[in-house]
Amino acid sequence: MRIAVRIFAAYRQAVGSSTLTLDLPGGATPRGVWSALAERYPALRRFPPPSAFAVNDEFIDPDRALSDADEVALIPPVSGGATTSSLTREPIDPAALLAAVADPRAGAVVLFCGTVREHSRERTVEFLEYEAYEVMAEREMRRIAEEAESRWPALGIAVVHRLGHLEVGEISVAIAVACPHRADAFAAARFIIDTLKQTVPIWKKEVWGEGEEWIGSAG
């Protein structure tokens, strides 16, 4: 059966369209629509799943079976108070992080992007490889974000870290923090990146012309 899908906010930005169609097997559910989209558009995986689903303009149970030609709307979590953290093997889109923490009450949004630099310890870096104990890394990233949320009046926090092969200039980690005032936003973002580098089980391998070396926790 063919399902029409409506997409909003950060989801729309990650997909690149506000509407699309999916061909799904009979018995598919709204929750299954989200799974199918996340499989097709990996950039969606760094966002939390929808807080609600609407079919033909009515909110419904996410596990109710759909019918052919239904229109499913994916309702992202409402802006404000959102805290997300994730690992990804896809390029990080800073605009998606900014959209994830957008809040009309915010007077400041700090975006930090850690990038792969060309020179490190007097060597010319060709590329990096990042590896993680993924279950533990995601749990620790979430803990750090929640601690920052408890220490500063954050309206939204988003943290994403790349894994796998990264070329020079690519973003390895990105953090967005929205707060009513800039001092809090800067402080929270600084706390998150500094703590992440110390406690999250992510390692990087620097590769240069004459060799390679595992460096340790994410840097």
Foldseek 3Di string as FASTA:
>chain_A
DKEKEAEDFLRCVQVVHRIDMDDDDFQDFQVNVQVVVCVVRVSCVQADFAPFKAWPRHTDDRNGTDDPHIYIYGHHPDAWPAETEAEDQDFDDQVSQCRNNDDPLFPDKDKDFDFAAQDDPRAGFFKKAKDAPHVQLRVVLRVLRVVLVVVAVWGYKGKYAYGGIGGGGTTGIMIMTTDNDDVSNVVSVVSSVVVQQVDRGMWMKTAGDPGIDIDGGDD
